[in-house]
mmCIF file of all heavy atoms, coordinates in Angstrom:
data_MODEL
# 
_entry.id   MODEL 
# 
loop_
_atom_site.group_PDB 
_atom_site.id 
_atom_site.type_symbol 
_atom_site.label_atom_id 
_atom_site.label_alt_id 
_atom_site.label_comp_id 
_atom_site.label_asym_id 
_atom_site.label_entity_id 
_atom_site.label_seq_id 
_atom_site.pdbx_PDB_ins_code 
_atom_site.Cartn_x 
_atom_site.Cartn_y 
_atom_site.Cartn_z 
_atom_site.occupancy 
_atom_site.B_iso_or_equiv 
_atom_site.pdbx_formal_charge 
_atom_site.auth_seq_id 
_atom_site.auth_comp_id 
_atom_site.auth_asym_id 
_atom_site.auth_atom_id 
_atom_site.pdbx_PDB_model_num 
ATOM 1   N N   . ARG A 1 1  ? 47.917 209.243 195.092 1.00 0.00 ? 1  ARG A N   1 
ATOM 2   C CA  . ARG A 1 1  ? 47.191 207.989 195.298 1.00 0.00 ? 1  ARG A CA  1 
ATOM 3   C C   . ARG A 1 1  ? 47.975 206.816 194.727 1.00 0.00 ? 1  ARG A C   1 
ATOM 4   O O   . ARG A 1 1  ? 48.074 205.759 195.340 1.00 0.00 ? 1  ARG A O   1 
ATOM 5   C CB  . ARG A 1 1  ? 45.806 208.055 194.642 1.00 0.00 ? 1  ARG A CB  1 
ATOM 6   C CG  . ARG A 1 1  ? 44.757 208.788 195.460 1.00 0.00 ? 1  ARG A CG  1 
ATOM 7   C CD  . ARG A 1 1  ? 43.398 208.709 194.795 1.00 0.00 ? 1  ARG A CD  1 
ATOM 8   N NE  . ARG A 1 1  ? 42.357 209.269 195.631 1.00 0.00 ? 1  ARG A NE  1 
ATOM 9   C CZ  . ARG A 1 1  ? 41.728 208.613 196.589 1.00 0.00 ? 1  ARG A CZ  1 
ATOM 10  N NH1 . ARG A 1 1  ? 42.050 207.354 196.847 1.00 0.00 ? 1  ARG A NH1 1 
ATOM 11  N NH2 . ARG A 1 1  ? 40.782 209.189 197.300 1.00 0.00 ? 1  ARG A NH2 1 
ATOM 12  N N   . ARG A 1 2  ? 48.521 206.998 193.530 1.00 0.00 ? 2  ARG A N   1 
ATOM 13  C CA  . ARG A 1 2  ? 49.323 205.938 192.911 1.00 0.00 ? 2  ARG A CA  1 
ATOM 14  C C   . ARG A 1 2  ? 50.536 205.604 193.789 1.00 0.00 ? 2  ARG A C   1 
ATOM 15  O O   . ARG A 1 2  ? 50.837 204.436 194.047 1.00 0.00 ? 2  ARG A O   1 
ATOM 16  C CB  . ARG A 1 2  ? 49.799 206.376 191.519 1.00 0.00 ? 2  ARG A CB  1 
ATOM 17  C CG  . ARG A 1 2  ? 48.700 206.449 190.485 1.00 0.00 ? 2  ARG A CG  1 
ATOM 18  C CD  . ARG A 1 2  ? 49.156 207.173 189.225 1.00 0.00 ? 2  ARG A CD  1 
ATOM 19  N NE  . ARG A 1 2  ? 50.133 206.420 188.457 1.00 0.00 ? 2  ARG A NE  1 
ATOM 20  C CZ  . ARG A 1 2  ? 49.840 205.580 187.469 1.00 0.00 ? 2  ARG A CZ  1 
ATOM 21  N NH1 . ARG A 1 2  ? 48.589 205.372 187.131 1.00 0.00 ? 2  ARG A NH1 1 
ATOM 22  N NH2 . ARG A 1 2  ? 50.794 204.950 186.803 1.00 0.00 ? 2  ARG A NH2 1 
ATOM 23  N N   . ALA A 1 3  ? 51.212 206.653 194.249 1.00 0.00 ? 3  ALA A N   1 
ATOM 24  C CA  . ALA A 1 3  ? 52.402 206.455 195.082 1.00 0.00 ? 3  ALA A CA  1 
ATOM 25  C C   . ALA A 1 3  ? 52.056 205.736 196.384 1.00 0.00 ? 3  ALA A C   1 
ATOM 26  O O   . ALA A 1 3  ? 52.800 204.859 196.852 1.00 0.00 ? 3  ALA A O   1 
ATOM 27  C CB  . ALA A 1 3  ? 53.057 207.799 195.373 1.00 0.00 ? 3  ALA A CB  1 
ATOM 28  N N   . ALA A 1 4  ? 50.909 206.085 196.971 1.00 0.00 ? 4  ALA A N   1 
ATOM 29  C CA  . ALA A 1 4  ? 50.486 205.477 198.232 1.00 0.00 ? 4  ALA A CA  1 
ATOM 30  C C   . ALA A 1 4  ? 50.230 203.979 198.063 1.00 0.00 ? 4  ALA A C   1 
ATOM 31  O O   . ALA A 1 4  ? 50.644 203.164 198.900 1.00 0.00 ? 4  ALA A O   1 
ATOM 32  C CB  . ALA A 1 4  ? 49.233 206.181 198.750 1.00 0.00 ? 4  ALA A CB  1 
ATOM 33  N N   . ILE A 1 5  ? 49.558 203.621 196.962 1.00 0.00 ? 5  ILE A N   1 
ATOM 34  C CA  . ILE A 1 5  ? 49.233 202.215 196.742 1.00 0.00 ? 5  ILE A CA  1 
ATOM 35  C C   . ILE A 1 5  ? 50.493 201.412 196.422 1.00 0.00 ? 5  ILE A C   1 
ATOM 36  O O   . ILE A 1 5  ? 50.663 200.277 196.882 1.00 0.00 ? 5  ILE A O   1 
ATOM 37  C CB  . ILE A 1 5  ? 48.181 202.079 195.621 1.00 0.00 ? 5  ILE A CB  1 
ATOM 38  C CG1 . ILE A 1 5  ? 46.836 202.640 196.118 1.00 0.00 ? 5  ILE A CG1 1 
ATOM 39  C CG2 . ILE A 1 5  ? 48.008 200.633 195.189 1.00 0.00 ? 5  ILE A CG2 1 
ATOM 40  C CD1 . ILE A 1 5  ? 45.765 202.740 195.073 1.00 0.00 ? 5  ILE A CD1 1 
ATOM 41  N N   . VAL A 1 6  ? 51.418 201.993 195.651 1.00 0.00 ? 6  VAL A N   1 
ATOM 42  C CA  . VAL A 1 6  ? 52.681 201.308 195.347 1.00 0.00 ? 6  VAL A CA  1 
ATOM 43  C C   . VAL A 1 6  ? 53.470 201.078 196.641 1.00 0.00 ? 6  VAL A C   1 
ATOM 44  O O   . VAL A 1 6  ? 54.015 199.988 196.864 1.00 0.00 ? 6  VAL A O   1 
ATOM 45  C CB  . VAL A 1 6  ? 53.522 202.119 194.330 1.00 0.00 ? 6  VAL A CB  1 
ATOM 46  C CG1 . VAL A 1 6  ? 54.946 201.585 194.257 1.00 0.00 ? 6  VAL A CG1 1 
ATOM 47  C CG2 . VAL A 1 6  ? 52.864 202.075 192.960 1.00 0.00 ? 6  VAL A CG2 1 
ATOM 48  N N   . ASP A 1 7  ? 53.549 202.079 197.511 1.00 0.00 ? 7  ASP A N   1 
ATOM 49  C CA  . ASP A 1 7  ? 54.251 201.928 198.789 1.00 0.00 ? 7  ASP A CA  1 
ATOM 50  C C   . ASP A 1 7  ? 53.605 200.841 199.648 1.00 0.00 ? 7  ASP A C   1 
ATOM 51  O O   . ASP A 1 7  ? 54.289 200.059 200.312 1.00 0.00 ? 7  ASP A O   1 
ATOM 52  C CB  . ASP A 1 7  ? 54.249 203.257 199.559 1.00 0.00 ? 7  ASP A CB  1 
ATOM 53  C CG  . ASP A 1 7  ? 55.431 204.144 199.196 1.00 0.00 ? 7  ASP A CG  1 
ATOM 54  O OD1 . ASP A 1 7  ? 56.145 203.792 198.227 1.00 0.00 ? 7  ASP A OD1 1 
ATOM 55  O OD2 . ASP A 1 7  ? 55.637 205.191 199.839 1.00 0.00 ? 7  ASP A OD2 1 
ATOM 56  N N   . TYR A 1 8  ? 52.281 200.802 199.626 1.00 0.00 ? 8  TYR A N   1 
ATOM 57  C CA  . TYR A 1 8  ? 51.567 199.784 200.417 1.00 0.00 ? 8  TYR A CA  1 
ATOM 58  C C   . TYR A 1 8  ? 51.875 198.388 199.873 1.00 0.00 ? 8  TYR A C   1 
ATOM 59  O O   . TYR A 1 8  ? 52.091 197.449 200.643 1.00 0.00 ? 8  TYR A O   1 
ATOM 60  C CB  . TYR A 1 8  ? 50.067 200.056 200.373 1.00 0.00 ? 8  TYR A CB  1 
ATOM 61  C CG  . TYR A 1 8  ? 49.268 199.135 201.272 1.00 0.00 ? 8  TYR A CG  1 
ATOM 62  C CD1 . TYR A 1 8  ? 49.110 199.429 202.630 1.00 0.00 ? 8  TYR A CD1 1 
ATOM 63  C CD2 . TYR A 1 8  ? 48.682 197.979 200.767 1.00 0.00 ? 8  TYR A CD2 1 
ATOM 64  C CE1 . TYR A 1 8  ? 48.392 198.578 203.466 1.00 0.00 ? 8  TYR A CE1 1 
ATOM 65  C CE2 . TYR A 1 8  ? 47.961 197.124 201.596 1.00 0.00 ? 8  TYR A CE2 1 
ATOM 66  C CZ  . TYR A 1 8  ? 47.820 197.428 202.942 1.00 0.00 ? 8  TYR A CZ  1 
ATOM 67  O OH  . TYR A 1 8  ? 47.109 196.587 203.766 1.00 0.00 ? 8  TYR A OH  1 
ATOM 68  N N   . PHE A 1 9  ? 51.903 198.255 198.553 1.00 0.00 ? 9  PHE A N   1 
ATOM 69  C CA  . PHE A 1 9  ? 52.245 196.967 197.941 1.00 0.00 ? 9  PHE A CA  1 
ATOM 70  C C   . PHE A 1 9  ? 53.671 196.562 198.311 1.00 0.00 ? 9  PHE A C   1 
ATOM 71  O O   . PHE A 1 9  ? 53.952 195.410 198.637 1.00 0.00 ? 9  PHE A O   1 
ATOM 72  C CB  . PHE A 1 9  ? 52.089 197.076 196.415 1.00 0.00 ? 9  PHE A CB  1 
ATOM 73  C CG  . PHE A 1 9  ? 52.419 195.824 195.658 1.00 0.00 ? 9  PHE A CG  1 
ATOM 74  C CD1 . PHE A 1 9  ? 52.123 194.558 196.157 1.00 0.00 ? 9  PHE A CD1 1 
ATOM 75  C CD2 . PHE A 1 9  ? 53.026 195.897 194.405 1.00 0.00 ? 9  PHE A CD2 1 
ATOM 76  C CE1 . PHE A 1 9  ? 52.418 193.401 195.445 1.00 0.00 ? 9  PHE A CE1 1 
ATOM 77  C CE2 . PHE A 1 9  ? 53.326 194.758 193.676 1.00 0.00 ? 9  PHE A CE2 1 
ATOM 78  C CZ  . PHE A 1 9  ? 53.028 193.509 194.204 1.00 0.00 ? 9  PHE A CZ  1 
ATOM 79  N N   . LYS A 1 10 ? 54.572 197.522 198.307 1.00 0.00 ? 10 LYS A N   1 
ATOM 80  C CA  . LYS A 1 10 ? 55.982 197.235 198.604 1.00 0.00 ? 10 LYS A CA  1 
ATOM 81  C C   . LYS A 1 10 ? 56.179 196.810 200.067 1.00 0.00 ? 10 LYS A C   1 
ATOM 82  O O   . LYS A 1 10 ? 56.927 195.867 200.359 1.00 0.00 ? 10 LYS A O   1 
ATOM 83  C CB  . LYS A 1 10 ? 56.839 198.463 198.298 1.00 0.00 ? 10 LYS A CB  1 
ATOM 84  C CG  . LYS A 1 10 ? 58.331 198.245 198.518 1.00 0.00 ? 10 LYS A CG  1 
ATOM 85  C CD  . LYS A 1 10 ? 59.129 199.489 198.133 1.00 0.00 ? 10 LYS A CD  1 
ATOM 86  C CE  . LYS A 1 10 ? 60.629 199.239 198.303 1.00 0.00 ? 10 LYS A CE  1 
ATOM 87  N NZ  . LYS A 1 10 ? 61.423 200.430 197.898 1.00 0.00 ? 10 LYS A NZ  1 
ATOM 88  N N   . ASN A 1 11 ? 55.478 197.483 200.969 1.00 0.00 ? 11 ASN A N   1 
ATOM 89  C CA  . ASN A 1 11 ? 55.772 197.301 202.395 1.00 0.00 ? 11 ASN A CA  1 
ATOM 90  C C   . ASN A 1 11 ? 54.773 196.437 203.155 1.00 0.00 ? 11 ASN A C   1 
ATOM 91  O O   . ASN A 1 11 ? 55.113 195.917 204.226 1.00 0.00 ? 11 ASN A O   1 
ATOM 92  C CB  . ASN A 1 11 ? 55.852 198.675 203.074 1.00 0.00 ? 11 ASN A CB  1 
ATOM 93  C CG  . ASN A 1 11 ? 56.934 199.553 202.468 1.00 0.00 ? 11 ASN A CG  1 
ATOM 94  O OD1 . ASN A 1 11 ? 58.051 199.105 202.263 1.00 0.00 ? 11 ASN A OD1 1 
ATOM 95  N ND2 . ASN A 1 11 ? 56.596 200.812 202.180 1.00 0.00 ? 11 ASN A ND2 1 
ATOM 96  N N   . GLU A 1 12 ? 53.543 196.292 202.615 1.00 0.00 ? 12 GLU A N   1 
ATOM 97  C CA  . GLU A 1 12 ? 52.508 195.601 203.388 1.00 0.00 ? 12 GLU A CA  1 
ATOM 98  C C   . GLU A 1 12 ? 51.899 194.393 202.669 1.00 0.00 ? 12 GLU A C   1 
ATOM 99  O O   . GLU A 1 12 ? 51.823 193.306 203.236 1.00 0.00 ? 12 GLU A O   1 
ATOM 100 C CB  . GLU A 1 12 ? 51.380 196.588 203.737 1.00 0.00 ? 12 GLU A CB  1 
ATOM 101 C CG  . GLU A 1 12 ? 51.823 197.835 204.475 1.00 0.00 ? 12 GLU A CG  1 
ATOM 102 C CD  . GLU A 1 12 ? 52.228 197.556 205.915 1.00 0.00 ? 12 GLU A CD  1 
ATOM 103 O OE1 . GLU A 1 12 ? 51.807 196.513 206.450 1.00 0.00 ? 12 GLU A OE1 1 
ATOM 104 O OE2 . GLU A 1 12 ? 52.965 198.371 206.485 1.00 0.00 ? 12 GLU A OE2 1 
ATOM 105 N N   . ALA A 1 13 ? 51.463 194.580 201.435 1.00 0.00 ? 13 ALA A N   1 
ATOM 106 C CA  . ALA A 1 13 ? 50.682 193.547 200.739 1.00 0.00 ? 13 ALA A CA  1 
ATOM 107 C C   . ALA A 1 13 ? 51.576 192.535 200.035 1.00 0.00 ? 13 ALA A C   1 
ATOM 108 O O   . ALA A 1 13 ? 52.733 192.809 199.708 1.00 0.00 ? 13 ALA A O   1 
ATOM 109 C CB  . ALA A 1 13 ? 49.736 194.205 199.739 1.00 0.00 ? 13 ALA A CB  1 
ATOM 110 N N   . ASP A 1 14 ? 51.025 191.346 199.790 1.00 0.00 ? 14 ASP A N   1 
ATOM 111 C CA  . ASP A 1 14 ? 51.712 190.315 198.998 1.00 0.00 ? 14 ASP A CA  1 
ATOM 112 C C   . ASP A 1 14 ? 51.264 190.360 197.539 1.00 0.00 ? 14 ASP A C   1 
ATOM 113 O O   . ASP A 1 14 ? 52.015 189.959 196.649 1.00 0.00 ? 14 ASP A O   1 
ATOM 114 C CB  . ASP A 1 14 ? 51.398 188.918 199.552 1.00 0.00 ? 14 ASP A CB  1 
ATOM 115 C CG  . ASP A 1 14 ? 51.985 188.699 200.930 1.00 0.00 ? 14 ASP A CG  1 
ATOM 116 O OD1 . ASP A 1 14 ? 52.914 189.444 201.308 1.00 0.00 ? 14 ASP A OD1 1 
ATOM 117 O OD2 . ASP A 1 14 ? 51.509 187.795 201.647 1.00 0.00 ? 14 ASP A OD2 1 
ATOM 118 N N   . ILE A 1 15 ? 50.023 190.829 197.314 1.00 0.00 ? 15 ILE A N   1 
ATOM 119 C CA  . ILE A 1 15 ? 49.433 190.755 195.976 1.00 0.00 ? 15 ILE A CA  1 
ATOM 120 C C   . ILE A 1 15 ? 48.853 192.104 195.590 1.00 0.00 ? 15 ILE A C   1 
ATOM 121 O O   . ILE A 1 15 ? 48.141 192.736 196.382 1.00 0.00 ? 15 ILE A O   1 
ATOM 122 C CB  . ILE A 1 15 ? 48.310 189.689 195.927 1.00 0.00 ? 15 ILE A CB  1 
ATOM 123 C CG1 . ILE A 1 15 ? 48.873 188.295 196.204 1.00 0.00 ? 15 ILE A CG1 1 
ATOM 124 C CG2 . ILE A 1 15 ? 47.592 189.708 194.575 1.00 0.00 ? 15 ILE A CG2 1 
ATOM 125 C CD1 . ILE A 1 15 ? 47.798 187.234 196.404 1.00 0.00 ? 15 ILE A CD1 1 
ATOM 126 N N   . MET A 1 16 ? 49.158 192.555 194.369 1.00 0.00 ? 16 MET A N   1 
ATOM 127 C CA  . MET A 1 16 ? 48.458 193.690 193.786 1.00 0.00 ? 16 MET A CA  1 
ATOM 128 C C   . MET A 1 16 ? 47.643 193.179 192.606 1.00 0.00 ? 16 MET A C   1 
ATOM 129 O O   . MET A 1 16 ? 48.194 192.573 191.682 1.00 0.00 ? 16 MET A O   1 
ATOM 130 C CB  . MET A 1 16 ? 49.421 194.781 193.297 1.00 0.00 ? 16 MET A CB  1 
ATOM 131 C CG  . MET A 1 16 ? 48.693 195.942 192.606 1.00 0.00 ? 16 MET A CG  1 
ATOM 132 S SD  . MET A 1 16 ? 49.809 197.155 191.826 1.00 0.00 ? 16 MET A SD  1 
ATOM 133 C CE  . MET A 1 16 ? 50.272 198.138 193.254 1.00 0.00 ? 16 MET A CE  1 
ATOM 134 N N   . ILE A 1 17 ? 46.326 193.401 192.645 1.00 0.00 ? 17 ILE A N   1 
ATOM 135 C CA  . ILE A 1 17 ? 45.463 193.064 191.505 1.00 0.00 ? 17 ILE A CA  1 
ATOM 136 C C   . ILE A 1 17 ? 45.206 194.367 190.763 1.00 0.00 ? 17 ILE A C   1 
ATOM 137 O O   . ILE A 1 17 ? 44.629 195.308 191.321 1.00 0.00 ? 17 ILE A O   1 
ATOM 138 C CB  . ILE A 1 17 ? 44.130 192.438 191.954 1.00 0.00 ? 17 ILE A CB  1 
ATOM 139 C CG1 . ILE A 1 17 ? 44.369 191.244 192.881 1.00 0.00 ? 17 ILE A CG1 1 
ATOM 140 C CG2 . ILE A 1 17 ? 43.331 191.980 190.736 1.00 0.00 ? 17 ILE A CG2 1 
ATOM 141 C CD1 . ILE A 1 17 ? 43.097 190.669 193.479 1.00 0.00 ? 17 ILE A CD1 1 
ATOM 142 N N   . ALA A 1 18 ? 45.664 194.427 189.524 1.00 0.00 ? 18 ALA A N   1 
ATOM 143 C CA  . ALA A 1 18 ? 45.664 195.702 188.803 1.00 0.00 ? 18 ALA A CA  1 
ATOM 144 C C   . ALA A 1 18 ? 44.920 195.595 187.482 1.00 0.00 ? 18 ALA A C   1 
ATOM 145 O O   . ALA A 1 18 ? 44.899 194.543 186.844 1.00 0.00 ? 18 ALA A O   1 
ATOM 146 C CB  . ALA A 1 18 ? 47.104 196.147 188.545 1.00 0.00 ? 18 ALA A CB  1 
ATOM 147 N N   . THR A 1 19 ? 44.334 196.713 187.072 1.00 0.00 ? 19 THR A N   1 
ATOM 148 C CA  . THR A 1 19 ? 43.791 196.835 185.727 1.00 0.00 ? 19 THR A CA  1 
ATOM 149 C C   . THR A 1 19 ? 44.876 197.436 184.836 1.00 0.00 ? 19 THR A C   1 
ATOM 150 O O   . THR A 1 19 ? 46.001 197.680 185.275 1.00 0.00 ? 19 THR A O   1 
ATOM 151 C CB  . THR A 1 19 ? 42.542 197.725 185.702 1.00 0.00 ? 19 THR A CB  1 
ATOM 152 O OG1 . THR A 1 19 ? 42.927 199.047 186.107 1.00 0.00 ? 19 THR A OG1 1 
ATOM 153 C CG2 . THR A 1 19 ? 41.461 197.196 186.642 1.00 0.00 ? 19 THR A CG2 1 
ATOM 154 N N   . GLU A 1 20 ? 44.523 197.723 183.593 1.00 0.00 ? 20 GLU A N   1 
ATOM 155 C CA  . GLU A 1 20 ? 45.501 198.260 182.644 1.00 0.00 ? 20 GLU A CA  1 
ATOM 156 C C   . GLU A 1 20 ? 46.060 199.613 183.087 1.00 0.00 ? 20 GLU A C   1 
ATOM 157 O O   . GLU A 1 20 ? 47.086 200.067 182.588 1.00 0.00 ? 20 GLU A O   1 
ATOM 158 C CB  . GLU A 1 20 ? 44.850 198.386 181.261 1.00 0.00 ? 20 GLU A CB  1 
ATOM 159 C CG  . GLU A 1 20 ? 45.807 198.226 180.104 1.00 0.00 ? 20 GLU A CG  1 
ATOM 160 C CD  . GLU A 1 20 ? 46.366 196.815 179.994 1.00 0.00 ? 20 GLU A CD  1 
ATOM 161 O OE1 . GLU A 1 20 ? 45.644 195.857 180.306 1.00 0.00 ? 20 GLU A OE1 1 
ATOM 162 O OE2 . GLU A 1 20 ? 47.537 196.687 179.598 1.00 0.00 ? 20 GLU A OE2 1 
ATOM 163 N N   . ALA A 1 21 ? 45.392 200.248 184.055 1.00 0.00 ? 21 ALA A N   1 
ATOM 164 C CA  . ALA A 1 21 ? 45.868 201.533 184.573 1.00 0.00 ? 21 ALA A CA  1 
ATOM 165 C C   . ALA A 1 21 ? 47.259 201.413 185.186 1.00 0.00 ? 21 ALA A C   1 
ATOM 166 O O   . ALA A 1 21 ? 47.983 202.409 185.294 1.00 0.00 ? 21 ALA A O   1 
ATOM 167 C CB  . ALA A 1 21 ? 44.891 202.072 185.620 1.00 0.00 ? 21 ALA A CB  1 
ATOM 168 N N   . ALA A 1 22 ? 47.658 200.203 185.585 1.00 0.00 ? 22 ALA A N   1 
ATOM 169 C CA  . ALA A 1 22 ? 48.970 199.994 186.211 1.00 0.00 ? 22 ALA A CA  1 
ATOM 170 C C   . ALA A 1 22 ? 50.033 199.567 185.211 1.00 0.00 ? 22 ALA A C   1 
ATOM 171 O O   . ALA A 1 22 ? 51.178 199.331 185.584 1.00 0.00 ? 22 ALA A O   1 
ATOM 172 C CB  . ALA A 1 22 ? 48.863 198.940 187.312 1.00 0.00 ? 22 ALA A CB  1 
ATOM 173 N N   . ALA A 1 23 ? 49.677 199.471 183.938 1.00 0.00 ? 23 ALA A N   1 
ATOM 174 C CA  . ALA A 1 23 ? 50.614 198.937 182.937 1.00 0.00 ? 23 ALA A CA  1 
ATOM 175 C C   . ALA A 1 23 ? 51.662 199.956 182.504 1.00 0.00 ? 23 ALA A C   1 
ATOM 176 O O   . ALA A 1 23 ? 52.615 199.602 181.816 1.00 0.00 ? 23 ALA A O   1 
ATOM 177 C CB  . ALA A 1 23 ? 49.852 198.427 181.712 1.00 0.00 ? 23 ALA A CB  1 
ATOM 178 N N   . GLU A 1 24 ? 51.477 201.211 182.894 1.00 0.00 ? 24 GLU A N   1 
ATOM 179 C CA  . GLU A 1 24 ? 52.427 202.268 182.520 1.00 0.00 ? 24 GLU A CA  1 
ATOM 180 C C   . GLU A 1 24 ? 52.781 203.106 183.738 1.00 0.00 ? 24 GLU A C   1 
ATOM 181 O O   . GLU A 1 24 ? 51.955 203.326 184.610 1.00 0.00 ? 24 GLU A O   1 
ATOM 182 C CB  . GLU A 1 24 ? 51.819 203.196 181.456 1.00 0.00 ? 24 GLU A CB  1 
ATOM 183 C CG  . GLU A 1 24 ? 51.625 202.561 180.111 1.00 0.00 ? 24 GLU A CG  1 
ATOM 184 C CD  . GLU A 1 24 ? 51.032 203.537 179.104 1.00 0.00 ? 24 GLU A CD  1 
ATOM 185 O OE1 . GLU A 1 24 ? 50.516 204.589 179.517 1.00 0.00 ? 24 GLU A OE1 1 
ATOM 186 O OE2 . GLU A 1 24 ? 51.086 203.240 177.916 1.00 0.00 ? 24 GLU A OE2 1 
ATOM 187 N N   . GLY A 1 25 ? 54.036 203.555 183.769 1.00 0.00 ? 25 GLY A N   1 
ATOM 188 C CA  . GLY A 1 25 ? 54.425 204.575 184.732 1.00 0.00 ? 25 GLY A CA  1 
ATOM 189 C C   . GLY A 1 25 ? 54.682 204.116 186.151 1.00 0.00 ? 25 GLY A C   1 
ATOM 190 O O   . GLY A 1 25 ? 54.984 204.939 187.010 1.00 0.00 ? 25 GLY A O   1 
ATOM 191 N N   . LEU A 1 26 ? 54.569 202.808 186.435 1.00 0.00 ? 26 LEU A N   1 
ATOM 192 C CA  . LEU A 1 26 ? 54.831 202.322 187.791 1.00 0.00 ? 26 LEU A CA  1 
ATOM 193 C C   . LEU A 1 26 ? 56.186 201.624 187.849 1.00 0.00 ? 26 LEU A C   1 
ATOM 194 O O   . LEU A 1 26 ? 56.531 200.857 186.947 1.00 0.00 ? 26 LEU A O   1 
ATOM 195 C CB  . LEU A 1 26 ? 53.746 201.337 188.250 1.00 0.00 ? 26 LEU A CB  1 
ATOM 196 C CG  . LEU A 1 26 ? 52.333 201.872 188.471 1.00 0.00 ? 26 LEU A CG  1 
ATOM 197 C CD1 . LEU A 1 26 ? 51.495 200.803 189.160 1.00 0.00 ? 26 LEU A CD1 1 
ATOM 198 C CD2 . LEU A 1 26 ? 52.322 203.147 189.277 1.00 0.00 ? 26 LEU A CD2 1 
ATOM 199 N N   . ASN A 1 27 ? 56.936 201.862 188.926 1.00 0.00 ? 27 ASN A N   1 
ATOM 200 C CA  . ASN A 1 27 ? 58.208 201.172 189.153 1.00 0.00 ? 27 ASN A CA  1 
ATOM 201 C C   . ASN A 1 27 ? 57.996 200.125 190.238 1.00 0.00 ? 27 ASN A C   1 
ATOM 202 O O   . ASN A 1 27 ? 57.905 200.457 191.424 1.00 0.00 ? 27 ASN A O   1 
ATOM 203 C CB  . ASN A 1 27 ? 59.287 202.176 189.584 1.00 0.00 ? 27 ASN A CB  1 
ATOM 204 C CG  . ASN A 1 27 ? 59.531 203.232 188.520 1.00 0.00 ? 27 ASN A CG  1 
ATOM 205 O OD1 . ASN A 1 27 ? 59.523 202.943 187.334 1.00 0.00 ? 27 ASN A OD1 1 
ATOM 206 N ND2 . ASN A 1 27 ? 59.739 204.469 188.957 1.00 0.00 ? 27 ASN A ND2 1 
ATOM 207 N N   . LEU A 1 28 ? 57.904 198.866 189.828 1.00 0.00 ? 28 LEU A N   1 
ATOM 208 C CA  . LEU A 1 28 ? 57.611 197.779 190.770 1.00 0.00 ? 28 LEU A CA  1 
ATOM 209 C C   . LEU A 1 28 ? 58.719 196.728 190.750 1.00 0.00 ? 28 LEU A C   1 
ATOM 210 O O   . LEU A 1 28 ? 58.461 195.535 190.797 1.00 0.00 ? 28 LEU A O   1 
ATOM 211 C CB  . LEU A 1 28 ? 56.264 197.131 190.417 1.00 0.00 ? 28 LEU A CB  1 
ATOM 212 C CG  . LEU A 1 28 ? 55.055 198.072 190.321 1.00 0.00 ? 28 LEU A CG  1 
ATOM 213 C CD1 . LEU A 1 28 ? 53.820 197.308 189.877 1.00 0.00 ? 28 LEU A CD1 1 
ATOM 214 C CD2 . LEU A 1 28 ? 54.791 198.764 191.657 1.00 0.00 ? 28 LEU A CD2 1 
# 
């Protein structure tokens, strides 16, 4: 699920609104 949302942000969306759950472990 995390990988899917990151890919969507990279390829489709302009904005990711994130909680603290995104503060670790993501390569953006």
